[in-house]
Amino acid sequence: MTFVTSLTLESGDRAALDGVVEDIRDTVRRKGAELKGPHSESPTQHFVPQYKRLDGGRDTFDAWSYTVYRRRVEIRGADEVARDIMSWDFPNSVHVTADIERVQHVGSPA
């Protein structure tokens, strides 16, 4: 039985995001674990209205826009490496989520 840890990393700071992904990639390779990715998704553009008054009147400034970048990586069969990475102190600008899935090989008992 193998565990697959899928990490999703999001940030508005592309340089910080790419730095964290590179650190993860280097660590996983150095430890001899299997890594799939990083997979890049198209950046998403978000728009936030800015009101001129606190009571939400109709007068607004131009909308504030920002871009969110997302990368996904999978660490296969290296539970200790994945646990170690999740204990890192990531920059505040990078949001990391982890999903863990148990994968059984074909023909193995349930």
PDB file of N, CA and C in Angstrom:
ATOM      1  N   MET A   1       0.856  -1.168   0.000  1.00  0.00           N
ATOM      2  CA  MET A   1       0.000   0.000   0.000  1.00  0.00           C
ATOM      3  C   MET A   1       0.905   1.234   0.000  1.00  0.00           C
ATOM      4  N   THR A   2       0.588   2.144  -0.864  1.00  0.00           N
ATOM      5  CA  THR A   2       1.377   3.354  -1.034  1.00  0.00           C
ATOM      6  C   THR A   2       0.528   4.570  -0.717  1.00  0.00           C
ATOM      7  N   PHE A   3       1.154   5.556  -0.120  1.00  0.00           N
ATOM      8  CA  PHE A   3       0.472   6.816   0.130  1.00  0.00           C
ATOM      9  C   PHE A   3       0.973   7.857  -0.864  1.00  0.00           C
ATOM     10  N   VAL A   4       0.030   8.634  -1.401  1.00  0.00           N
ATOM     11  CA  VAL A   4       0.344   9.719  -2.314  1.00  0.00           C
ATOM     12  C   VAL A   4      -0.075  11.011  -1.635  1.00  0.00           C
ATOM     13  N   THR A   5       0.876  11.901  -1.436  1.00  0.00           N
ATOM     14  CA  THR A   5       0.611  13.207  -0.840  1.00  0.00           C
ATOM     15  C   THR A   5       0.591  14.236  -1.955  1.00  0.00           C
ATOM     16  N   SER A   6      -0.561  14.842  -2.170  1.00  0.00           N
ATOM     17  CA  SER A   6      -0.712  15.884  -3.188  1.00  0.00           C
ATOM     18  C   SER A   6      -0.657  17.238  -2.501  1.00  0.00           C
ATOM     19  N   LEU A   7       0.291  18.058  -2.923  1.00  0.00           N
ATOM     20  CA  LEU A   7       0.427  19.402  -2.368  1.00  0.00           C
ATOM     21  C   LEU A   7      -0.055  20.414  -3.401  1.00  0.00           C
ATOM     22  N   THR A   8      -0.897  21.331  -2.958  1.00  0.00           N
ATOM     23  CA  THR A   8      -1.337  22.441  -3.787  1.00  0.00           C
ATOM     24  C   THR A   8      -0.779  23.705  -3.165  1.00  0.00           C
ATOM     25  N   LEU A   9      -0.035  24.457  -3.966  1.00  0.00           N
ATOM     26  CA  LEU A   9       0.596  25.687  -3.485  1.00  0.00           C
ATOM     27  C   LEU A   9       0.025  26.850  -4.275  1.00  0.00           C
ATOM     28  N   GLU A  10      -0.412  27.895  -3.577  1.00  0.00           N
ATOM     29  CA  GLU A  10      -1.004  29.074  -4.209  1.00  0.00           C
ATOM     30  C   GLU A  10      -0.345  30.323  -3.656  1.00  0.00           C
ATOM     31  N   SER A  11      -0.179  31.317  -4.530  1.00  0.00           N
ATOM     32  CA  SER A  11       0.396  32.582  -4.090  1.00  0.00           C
ATOM     33  C   SER A  11       0.170  33.656  -5.137  1.00  0.00           C
ATOM     34  N   GLY A  12       0.141  34.881  -4.691  1.00  0.00           N
ATOM     35  CA  GLY A  12       0.118  36.015  -5.589  1.00  0.00           C
ATOM     36  C   GLY A  12       1.528  36.458  -5.941  1.00  0.00           C
ATOM     37  N   ASP A  13       2.511  35.917  -5.246  1.00  0.00           N
ATOM     38  CA  ASP A  13       3.920  36.228  -5.471  1.00  0.00           C
ATOM     39  C   ASP A  13       4.554  35.054  -6.213  1.00  0.00           C
ATOM     40  N   ARG A  14       4.673  35.196  -7.512  1.00  0.00           N
ATOM     41  CA  ARG A  14       5.139  34.086  -8.351  1.00  0.00           C
ATOM     42  C   ARG A  14       6.561  33.656  -7.992  1.00  0.00           C
ATOM     43  N   ALA A  15       7.441  34.608  -7.695  1.00  0.00           N
ATOM     44  CA  ALA A  15       8.828  34.274  -7.357  1.00  0.00           C
ATOM     45  C   ALA A  15       8.899  33.459  -6.063  1.00  0.00           C
ATOM     46  N   ALA A  16       8.132  33.847  -5.054  1.00  0.00           N
ATOM     47  CA  ALA A  16       8.115  33.103  -3.791  1.00  0.00           C
ATOM     48  C   ALA A  16       7.562  31.699  -4.008  1.00  0.00           C
ATOM     49  N   LEU A  17       6.506  31.595  -4.798  1.00  0.00           N
ATOM     50  CA  LEU A  17       5.893  30.294  -5.088  1.00  0.00           C
ATOM     51  C   LEU A  17       6.890  29.387  -5.798  1.00  0.00           C
ATOM     52  N   ASP A  18       7.543  29.892  -6.823  1.00  0.00           N
ATOM     53  CA  ASP A  18       8.509  29.082  -7.567  1.00  0.00           C
ATOM     54  C   ASP A  18       9.693  28.685  -6.693  1.00  0.00           C
ATOM     55  N   GLY A  19      10.097  29.555  -5.766  1.00  0.00           N
ATOM     56  CA  GLY A  19      11.172  29.216  -4.841  1.00  0.00           C
ATOM     57  C   GLY A  19      10.805  28.076  -3.915  1.00  0.00           C
ATOM     58  N   VAL A  20       9.585  28.104  -3.390  1.00  0.00           N
ATOM     59  CA  VAL A  20       9.123  27.036  -2.503  1.00  0.00           C
ATOM     60  C   VAL A  20       9.009  25.721  -3.285  1.00  0.00           C
ATOM     61  N   VAL A  21       8.463  25.778  -4.487  1.00  0.00           N
ATOM     62  CA  VAL A  21       8.323  24.564  -5.306  1.00  0.00           C
ATOM     63  C   VAL A  21       9.702  23.979  -5.617  1.00  0.00           C
ATOM     64  N   GLU A  22      10.666  24.831  -5.912  1.00  0.00           N
ATOM     65  CA  GLU A  22      12.025  24.362  -6.192  1.00  0.00           C
ATOM     66  C   GLU A  22      12.644  23.710  -4.957  1.00  0.00           C
ATOM     67  N   ASP A  23      12.420  24.294  -3.780  1.00  0.00           N
ATOM     68  CA  ASP A  23      12.925  23.700  -2.536  1.00  0.00           C
ATOM     69  C   ASP A  23      12.300  22.326  -2.300  1.00  0.00           C
ATOM     70  N   ILE A  24      11.005  22.204  -2.548  1.00  0.00           N
ATOM     71  CA  ILE A  24      10.324  20.912  -2.384  1.00  0.00           C
ATOM     72  C   ILE A  24      10.903  19.897  -3.359  1.00  0.00           C
ATOM     73  N   ARG A  25      11.044  20.303  -4.616  1.00  0.00           N
ATOM     74  CA  ARG A  25      11.571  19.399  -5.643  1.00  0.00           C
ATOM     75  C   ARG A  25      12.976  18.924  -5.280  1.00  0.00           C
ATOM     76  N   ASP A  26      13.835  19.838  -4.854  1.00  0.00           N
ATOM     77  CA  ASP A  26      15.206  19.471  -4.497  1.00  0.00           C
ATOM     78  C   ASP A  26      15.239  18.529  -3.296  1.00  0.00           C
ATOM     79  N   THR A  27      14.407  18.798  -2.297  1.00  0.00           N
ATOM     80  CA  THR A  27      14.368  17.957  -1.100  1.00  0.00           C
ATOM     81  C   THR A  27      13.898  16.552  -1.432  1.00  0.00           C
ATOM     82  N   VAL A  28      12.833  16.441  -2.217  1.00  0.00           N
ATOM     83  CA  VAL A  28      12.292  15.123  -2.565  1.00  0.00           C
ATOM     84  C   VAL A  28      13.312  14.334  -3.376  1.00  0.00           C
ATOM     85  N   ARG A  29      13.954  14.970  -4.317  1.00  0.00           N
ATOM     86  CA  ARG A  29      14.975  14.270  -5.124  1.00  0.00           C
ATOM     87  C   ARG A  29      16.165  13.843  -4.266  1.00  0.00           C
ATOM     88  N   ARG A  30      16.590  14.715  -3.362  1.00  0.00           N
ATOM     89  CA  ARG A  30      17.732  14.399  -2.498  1.00  0.00           C
ATOM     90  C   ARG A  30      17.434  13.203  -1.598  1.00  0.00           C
ATOM     91  N   LYS A  31      16.174  13.080  -1.167  1.00  0.00           N
ATOM     92  CA  LYS A  31      15.771  11.975  -0.288  1.00  0.00           C
ATOM     93  C   LYS A  31      15.469  10.700  -1.069  1.00  0.00           C
ATOM     94  N   GLY A  32      15.468  10.782  -2.409  1.00  0.00           N
ATOM     95  CA  GLY A  32      15.247   9.594  -3.231  1.00  0.00           C
ATOM     96  C   GLY A  32      13.795   9.205  -3.386  1.00  0.00           C
ATOM     97  N   ALA A  33      12.883  10.114  -3.129  1.00  0.00           N
ATOM     98  CA  ALA A  33      11.451   9.820  -3.268  1.00  0.00           C
ATOM     99  C   ALA A  33      11.000  10.144  -4.690  1.00  0.00           C
ATOM    100  N   GLU A  34       9.802   9.679  -5.024  1.00  0.00           N
ATOM    101  CA  GLU A  34       9.238   9.921  -6.351  1.00  0.00           C
ATOM    102  C   GLU A  34       8.375  11.175  -6.311  1.00  0.00           C
ATOM    103  N   LEU A  35       8.606  12.066  -7.269  1.00  0.00           N
ATOM    104  CA  LEU A  35       7.870  13.320  -7.349  1.00  0.00           C
ATOM    105  C   LEU A  35       7.225  13.440  -8.723  1.00  0.00           C
ATOM    106  N   LYS A  36       5.958  13.773  -8.744  1.00  0.00           N
ATOM    107  CA  LYS A  36       5.248  14.077  -9.988  1.00  0.00           C
ATOM    108  C   LYS A  36       4.950  15.566  -9.963  1.00  0.00           C
ATOM    109  N   GLY A  37       5.394  16.274 -10.973  1.00  0.00           N
ATOM    110  CA  GLY A  37       5.146  17.703 -11.045  1.00  0.00           C
ATOM    111  C   GLY A  37       6.440  18.463 -10.966  1.00  0.00           C
ATOM    112  N   PRO A  38       6.402  19.733 -10.822  1.00  0.00           N
ATOM    113  CA  PRO A  38       5.222  20.552 -10.529  1.00  0.00           C
ATOM    114  C   PRO A  38       4.372  20.777 -11.774  1.00  0.00           C
ATOM    115  N   HIS A  39       3.077  20.760 -11.549  1.00  0.00           N
ATOM    116  CA  HIS A  39       2.106  21.035 -12.600  1.00  0.00           C
ATOM    117  C   HIS A  39       1.583  22.447 -12.381  1.00  0.00           C
ATOM    118  N   SER A  40       1.680  23.256 -13.414  1.00  0.00           N
ATOM    119  CA  SER A  40       1.217  24.642 -13.327  1.00  0.00           C
ATOM    120  C   SER A  40      -0.175  24.761 -13.908  1.00  0.00           C
ATOM    121  N   GLU A  41      -0.996  25.519 -13.256  1.00  0.00           N
ATOM    122  CA  GLU A  41      -2.312  25.836 -13.792  1.00  0.00           C
ATOM    123  C   GLU A  41      -2.279  27.262 -14.303  1.00  0.00           C
ATOM    124  N   SER A  42      -3.239  27.596 -15.152  1.00  0.00           N
ATOM    125  CA  SER A  42      -3.319  28.972 -15.634  1.00  0.00           C
ATOM    126  C   SER A  42      -3.573  29.898 -14.452  1.00  0.00           C
ATOM    127  N   PRO A  43      -2.880  31.033 -14.404  1.00  0.00           N
ATOM    128  CA  PRO A  43      -3.124  31.966 -13.309  1.00  0.00           C
ATOM    129  C   PRO A  43      -4.558  32.492 -13.358  1.00  0.00           C
ATOM    130  N   THR A  44      -5.119  32.745 -12.203  1.00  0.00           N
ATOM    131  CA  THR A  44      -6.473  33.299 -12.138  1.00  0.00           C
ATOM    132  C   THR A  44      -6.391  34.761 -11.727  1.00  0.00           C
ATOM    133  N   GLN A  45      -7.185  35.566 -12.383  1.00  0.00           N
ATOM    134  CA  GLN A  45      -7.236  37.006 -12.112  1.00  0.00           C
ATOM    135  C   GLN A  45      -8.463  37.285 -11.249  1.00  0.00           C
ATOM    136  N   HIS A  46      -8.284  37.988 -10.159  1.00  0.00           N
ATOM    137  CA  HIS A  46      -9.379  38.324  -9.251  1.00  0.00           C
ATOM    138  C   HIS A  46      -9.541  39.841  -9.209  1.00  0.00           C
ATOM    139  N   PHE A  47     -10.784  40.264  -9.104  1.00  0.00           N
ATOM    140  CA  PHE A  47     -11.098  41.691  -9.032  1.00  0.00           C
ATOM    141  C   PHE A  47     -11.901  41.964  -7.768  1.00  0.00           C
ATOM    142  N   VAL A  48     -11.504  43.000  -7.046  1.00  0.00           N
ATOM    143  CA  VAL A  48     -12.163  43.351  -5.790  1.00  0.00           C
ATOM    144  C   VAL A  48     -12.646  44.795  -5.907  1.00  0.00           C
ATOM    145  N   PRO A  49     -13.950  45.027  -5.711  1.00  0.00           N
ATOM    146  CA  PRO A  49     -14.445  46.400  -5.791  1.00  0.00           C
ATOM    147  C   PRO A  49     -13.924  47.220  -4.609  1.00  0.00           C
ATOM    148  N   GLN A  50     -13.707  48.503  -4.856  1.00  0.00           N
ATOM    149  CA  GLN A  50     -13.265  49.414  -3.802  1.00  0.00           C
ATOM    150  C   GLN A  50     -14.262  50.561  -3.709  1.00  0.00           C
ATOM    151  N   TYR A  51     -14.966  50.599  -2.609  1.00  0.00           N
ATOM    152  CA  TYR A  51     -15.986  51.621  -2.413  1.00  0.00           C
ATOM    153  C   TYR A  51     -15.375  52.869  -1.802  1.00  0.00           C
ATOM    154  N   LYS A  52     -15.878  54.021  -2.202  1.00  0.00           N
ATOM    155  CA  LYS A  52     -15.382  55.293  -1.684  1.00  0.00           C
ATOM    156  C   LYS A  52     -15.903  55.574  -0.287  1.00  0.00           C
ATOM    157  N   ARG A  53     -16.990  54.923   0.098  1.00  0.00           N
ATOM    158  CA  ARG A  53     -17.578  55.140   1.417  1.00  0.00           C
ATOM    159  C   ARG A  53     -17.686  53.807   2.146  1.00  0.00           C
ATOM    160  N   LEU A  54     -17.615  53.874   3.476  1.00  0.00           N
ATOM    161  CA  LEU A  54     -17.703  52.658   4.274  1.00  0.00           C
ATOM    162  C   LEU A  54     -19.093  52.051   4.289  1.00  0.00           C
ATOM    163  N   ASP A  55     -20.118  52.864   4.017  1.00  0.00           N
ATOM    164  CA  ASP A  55     -21.478  52.333   4.060  1.00  0.00           C
ATOM    165  C   ASP A  55     -21.849  51.624   2.746  1.00  0.00           C
ATOM    166  N   GLY A  56     -20.879  51.455   1.838  1.00  0.00           N
ATOM    167  CA  GLY A  56     -21.128  50.705   0.607  1.00  0.00           C
ATOM    168  C   GLY A  56     -21.935  51.460  -0.420  1.00  0.00           C
ATOM    169  N   GLY A  57     -21.829  52.770  -0.442  1.00  0.00           N
ATOM    170  CA  GLY A  57     -22.557  53.564  -1.433  1.00  0.00           C
ATOM    171  C   GLY A  57     -22.208  53.134  -2.855  1.00  0.00           C
ATOM    172  N   ARG A  58     -22.787  53.789  -3.793  1.00  0.00           N
ATOM    173  CA  ARG A  58     -22.604  53.393  -5.188  1.00  0.00           C
ATOM    174  C   ARG A  58     -21.299  53.898  -5.790  1.00  0.00           C
ATOM    175  N   ASP A  59     -20.691  54.900  -5.189  1.00  0.00           N
ATOM    176  CA  ASP A  59     -19.453  55.446  -5.722  1.00  0.00           C
ATOM    177  C   ASP A  59     -18.295  54.484  -5.447  1.00  0.00           C
ATOM    178  N   THR A  60     -17.558  54.142  -6.495  1.00  0.00           N
ATOM    179  CA  THR A  60     -16.438  53.219  -6.330  1.00  0.00           C
ATOM    180  C   THR A  60     -15.200  53.749  -7.044  1.00  0.00           C
ATOM    181  N   PHE A  61     -14.060  53.291  -6.573  1.00  0.00           N
ATOM    182  CA  PHE A  61     -12.804  53.489  -7.285  1.00  0.00           C
ATOM    183  C   PHE A  61     -12.678  52.350  -8.288  1.00  0.00           C
ATOM    184  N   ASP A  62     -11.630  52.395  -9.103  1.00  0.00           N
ATOM    185  CA  ASP A  62     -11.363  51.267  -9.990  1.00  0.00           C
ATOM    186  C   ASP A  62     -11.151  50.013  -9.141  1.00  0.00           C
ATOM    187  N   ALA A  63     -11.568  48.888  -9.662  1.00  0.00           N
ATOM    188  CA  ALA A  63     -11.423  47.631  -8.927  1.00  0.00           C
ATOM    189  C   ALA A  63      -9.948  47.297  -8.756  1.00  0.00           C
ATOM    190  N   TRP A  64      -9.643  46.738  -7.598  1.00  0.00           N
ATOM    191  CA  TRP A  64      -8.291  46.274  -7.331  1.00  0.00           C
ATOM    192  C   TRP A  64      -8.199  44.875  -7.919  1.00  0.00           C
ATOM    193  N   SER A  65      -7.162  44.603  -8.675  1.00  0.00           N
ATOM    194  CA  SER A  65      -7.019  43.278  -9.275  1.00  0.00           C
ATOM    195  C   SER A  65      -5.704  42.644  -8.820  1.00  0.00           C
ATOM    196  N   TYR A  66      -5.738  41.321  -8.719  1.00  0.00           N
ATOM    197  CA  TYR A  66      -4.531  40.587  -8.372  1.00  0.00           C
ATOM    198  C   TYR A  66      -4.590  39.213  -9.033  1.00  0.00           C
ATOM    199  N   THR A  67      -3.435  38.630  -9.198  1.00  0.00           N
ATOM    200  CA  THR A  67      -3.307  37.340  -9.864  1.00  0.00           C
ATOM    201  C   THR A  67      -2.884  36.291  -8.842  1.00  0.00           C
ATOM    202  N   VAL A  68      -3.479  35.106  -8.938  1.00  0.00           N
ATOM    203  CA  VAL A  68      -3.108  33.987  -8.078  1.00  0.00           C
ATOM    204  C   VAL A  68      -2.508  32.892  -8.955  1.00  0.00           C
ATOM    205  N   TYR A  69      -1.310  32.449  -8.572  1.00  0.00           N
ATOM    206  CA  TYR A  69      -0.607  31.377  -9.276  1.00  0.00           C
ATOM    207  C   TYR A  69      -0.749  30.094  -8.472  1.00  0.00           C
ATOM    208  N   ARG A  70      -0.850  28.959  -9.161  1.00  0.00           N
ATOM    209  CA  ARG A  70      -1.061  27.675  -8.474  1.00  0.00           C
ATOM    210  C   ARG A  70      -0.141  26.617  -9.081  1.00  0.00           C
ATOM    211  N   ARG A  71       0.469  25.831  -8.195  1.00  0.00           N
ATOM    212  CA  ARG A  71       1.292  24.689  -8.594  1.00  0.00           C
ATOM    213  C   ARG A  71       0.819  23.473  -7.804  1.00  0.00           C
ATOM    214  N   ARG A  72       0.919  22.314  -8.440  1.00  0.00           N
ATOM    215  CA  ARG A  72       0.570  21.052  -7.772  1.00  0.00           C
ATOM    216  C   ARG A  72       1.734  20.080  -7.918  1.00  0.00           C
ATOM    217  N   VAL A  73       2.045  19.382  -6.832  1.00  0.00           N
ATOM    218  CA  VAL A  73       3.065  18.334  -6.859  1.00  0.00           C
ATOM    219  C   VAL A  73       2.519  17.122  -6.119  1.00  0.00           C
ATOM    220  N   GLU A  74       2.994  15.940  -6.500  1.00  0.00           N
ATOM    221  CA  GLU A  74       2.625  14.700  -5.829  1.00  0.00           C
ATOM    222  C   GLU A  74       3.891  14.019  -5.347  1.00  0.00           C
ATOM    223  N   ILE A  75       3.881  13.619  -4.086  1.00  0.00           N
ATOM    224  CA  ILE A  75       4.984  12.859  -3.506  1.00  0.00           C
ATOM    225  C   ILE A  75       4.451  11.453  -3.273  1.00  0.00           C
ATOM    226  N   ARG A  76       5.099  10.476  -3.889  1.00  0.00           N
ATOM    227  CA  ARG A  76       4.615   9.090  -3.827  1.00  0.00           C
ATOM    228  C   ARG A  76       5.514   8.230  -2.941  1.00  0.00           C
ATOM    229  N   GLY A  77       4.867   7.552  -2.004  1.00  0.00           N
ATOM    230  CA  GLY A  77       5.535   6.534  -1.213  1.00  0.00           C
ATOM    231  C   GLY A  77       6.606   7.016  -0.263  1.00  0.00           C
ATOM    232  N   ALA A  78       6.657   8.258   0.064  1.00  0.00           N
ATOM    233  CA  ALA A  78       7.671   8.784   0.979  1.00  0.00           C
ATOM    234  C   ALA A  78       6.968   9.599   2.064  1.00  0.00           C
ATOM    235  N   ASP A  79       6.320   8.889   2.964  1.00  0.00           N
ATOM    236  CA  ASP A  79       5.510   9.538   3.994  1.00  0.00           C
ATOM    237  C   ASP A  79       6.336  10.481   4.874  1.00  0.00           C
ATOM    238  N   GLU A  80       7.552  10.041   5.256  1.00  0.00           N
ATOM    239  CA  GLU A  80       8.366  10.867   6.141  1.00  0.00           C
ATOM    240  C   GLU A  80       8.813  12.157   5.448  1.00  0.00           C
ATOM    241  N   VAL A  81       9.111  12.060   4.167  1.00  0.00           N
ATOM    242  CA  VAL A  81       9.518  13.245   3.410  1.00  0.00           C
ATOM    243  C   VAL A  81       8.347  14.229   3.334  1.00  0.00           C
ATOM    244  N   ALA A  82       7.158  13.717   3.027  1.00  0.00           N
ATOM    245  CA  ALA A  82       5.976  14.580   2.937  1.00  0.00           C
ATOM    246  C   ALA A  82       5.675  15.229   4.287  1.00  0.00           C
ATOM    247  N   ARG A  83       5.782  14.451   5.373  1.00  0.00           N
ATOM    248  CA  ARG A  83       5.552  15.008   6.711  1.00  0.00           C
ATOM    249  C   ARG A  83       6.566  16.099   7.033  1.00  0.00           C
ATOM    250  N   ASP A  84       7.814  15.855   6.657  1.00  0.00           N
ATOM    251  CA  ASP A  84       8.864  16.837   6.897  1.00  0.00           C
ATOM    252  C   ASP A  84       8.577  18.129   6.138  1.00  0.00           C
ATOM    253  N   ILE A  85       8.182  18.018   4.886  1.00  0.00           N
ATOM    254  CA  ILE A  85       7.891  19.211   4.073  1.00  0.00           C
ATOM    255  C   ILE A  85       6.720  19.992   4.658  1.00  0.00           C
ATOM    256  N   MET A  86       5.688  19.305   5.116  1.00  0.00           N
ATOM    257  CA  MET A  86       4.520  19.999   5.671  1.00  0.00           C
ATOM    258  C   MET A  86       4.837  20.693   6.993  1.00  0.00           C
ATOM    259  N   SER A  87       5.939  20.347   7.622  1.00  0.00           N
ATOM    260  CA  SER A  87       6.308  21.024   8.875  1.00  0.00           C
ATOM    261  C   SER A  87       7.163  22.266   8.624  1.00  0.00           C
ATOM    262  N   TRP A  88       7.517  22.519   7.366  1.00  0.00           N
ATOM    263  CA  TRP A  88       8.316  23.705   7.039  1.00  0.00           C
ATOM    264  C   TRP A  88       7.557  24.981   7.385  1.00  0.00           C
ATOM    265  N   ASP A  89       8.316  26.029   7.601  1.00  0.00           N
ATOM    266  CA  ASP A  89       7.747  27.352   7.837  1.00  0.00           C
ATOM    267  C   ASP A  89       7.711  28.080   6.490  1.00  0.00           C
ATOM    268  N   PHE A  90       6.585  27.960   5.779  1.00  0.00           N
ATOM    269  CA  PHE A  90       6.445  28.566   4.463  1.00  0.00           C
ATOM    270  C   PHE A  90       6.264  30.079   4.591  1.00  0.00           C
ATOM    271  N   PRO A  91       6.644  30.830   3.539  1.00  0.00           N
ATOM    272  CA  PRO A  91       6.406  32.275   3.579  1.00  0.00           C
ATOM    273  C   PRO A  91       4.915  32.569   3.716  1.00  0.00           C
ATOM    274  N   ASN A  92       4.578  33.682   4.335  1.00  0.00           N
ATOM    275  CA  ASN A  92       3.174  34.048   4.513  1.00  0.00           C
ATOM    276  C   ASN A  92       2.454  34.219   3.187  1.00  0.00           C
ATOM    277  N   SER A  93       3.180  34.535   2.134  1.00  0.00           N
ATOM    278  CA  SER A  93       2.550  34.766   0.835  1.00  0.00           C
ATOM    279  C   SER A  93       2.219  33.481   0.092  1.00  0.00           C
ATOM    280  N   VAL A  94       2.641  32.324   0.614  1.00  0.00           N
ATOM    281  CA  VAL A  94       2.387  31.043  -0.044  1.00  0.00           C
ATOM    282  C   VAL A  94       1.445  30.210   0.819  1.00  0.00           C
ATOM    283  N   HIS A  95       0.331  29.785   0.225  1.00  0.00           N
ATOM    284  CA  HIS A  95      -0.653  28.959   0.926  1.00  0.00           C
ATOM    285  C   HIS A  95      -0.497  27.522   0.437  1.00  0.00           C
ATOM    286  N   VAL A  96      -0.334  26.593   1.383  1.00  0.00           N
ATOM    287  CA  VAL A  96      -0.098  25.186   1.033  1.00  0.00           C
ATOM    288  C   VAL A  96      -1.197  24.325   1.634  1.00  0.00           C
ATOM    289  N   THR A  97      -1.773  23.451   0.803  1.00  0.00           N
ATOM    290  CA  THR A  97      -2.725  22.453   1.295  1.00  0.00           C
ATOM    291  C   THR A  97      -2.230  21.078   0.874  1.00  0.00           C
ATOM    292  N   ALA A  98      -2.542  20.085   1.689  1.00  0.00           N
ATOM    293  CA  ALA A  98      -2.107  18.717   1.408  1.00  0.00           C
ATOM    294  C   ALA A  98      -3.305  17.782   1.424  1.00  0.00           C
ATOM    295  N   ASP A  99      -3.332  16.867   0.467  1.00  0.00           N
ATOM    296  CA  ASP A  99      -4.316  15.788   0.418  1.00  0.00           C
ATOM    297  C   ASP A  99      -3.534  14.486   0.391  1.00  0.00           C
ATOM    298  N   ILE A 100      -3.939  13.542   1.235  1.00  0.00           N
ATOM    299  CA  ILE A 100      -3.248  12.262   1.308  1.00  0.00           C
ATOM    300  C   ILE A 100      -4.214  11.179   0.851  1.00  0.00           C
ATOM    301  N   GLU A 101      -3.733  10.351  -0.070  1.00  0.00           N
ATOM    302  CA  GLU A 101      -4.565   9.288  -0.630  1.00  0.00           C
ATOM    303  C   GLU A 101      -3.801   7.967  -0.501  1.00  0.00           C
ATOM    304  N   ARG A 102      -4.527   6.934  -0.112  1.00  0.00           N
ATOM    305  CA  ARG A 102      -3.926   5.596  -0.028  1.00  0.00           C
ATOM    306  C   ARG A 102      -4.216   4.881  -1.330  1.00  0.00           C
ATOM    307  N   VAL A 103      -3.173   4.409  -1.971  1.00  0.00           N
ATOM    308  CA  VAL A 103      -3.301   3.746  -3.267  1.00  0.00           C
ATOM    309  C   VAL A 103      -2.864   2.288  -3.108  1.00  0.00           C
ATOM    310  N   GLN A 104      -3.716   1.389  -3.577  1.00  0.00           N
ATOM    311  CA  GLN A 104      -3.353  -0.031  -3.531  1.00  0.00           C
ATOM    312  C   GLN A 104      -2.943  -0.474  -4.929  1.00  0.00           C
ATOM    313  N   HIS A 105      -1.913  -1.291  -4.965  1.00  0.00           N
ATOM    314  CA  HIS A 105      -1.431  -1.803  -6.230  1.00  0.00           C
ATOM    315  C   HIS A 105      -2.383  -2.871  -6.756  1.00  0.00           C
ATOM    316  N   VAL A 106      -2.411  -3.035  -8.063  1.00  0.00           N
ATOM    317  CA  VAL A 106      -3.269  -4.039  -8.680  1.00  0.00           C
ATOM    318  C   VAL A 106      -2.844  -5.419  -8.191  1.00  0.00           C
ATOM    319  N   GLY A 107      -3.826  -6.192  -7.759  1.00  0.00           N
ATOM    320  CA  GLY A 107      -3.565  -7.553  -7.293  1.00  0.00           C
ATOM    321  C   GLY A 107      -3.242  -7.661  -5.828  1.00  0.00           C
ATOM    322  N   SER A 108      -3.106  -6.532  -5.122  1.00  0.00           N
ATOM    323  CA  SER A 108      -2.820  -6.608  -3.702  1.00  0.00           C
ATOM    324  C   SER A 108      -4.129  -6.780  -2.922  1.00  0.00           C
ATOM    325  N   PRO A 109      -4.092  -7.470  -1.794  1.00  0.00           N
ATOM    326  CA  PRO A 109      -5.321  -7.673  -1.016  1.00  0.00           C
ATOM    327  C   PRO A 109      -5.845  -6.362  -0.453  1.00  0.00           C
ATOM    328  N   ALA A 110      -7.151  -6.250  -0.302  1.00  0.00           N
ATOM    329  CA  ALA A 110      -7.780  -5.011   0.166  1.00  0.00           C
ATOM    330  C   ALA A 110      -7.557  -4.728   1.587  1.00  0.00           C
TER     331      ALA A 110
END
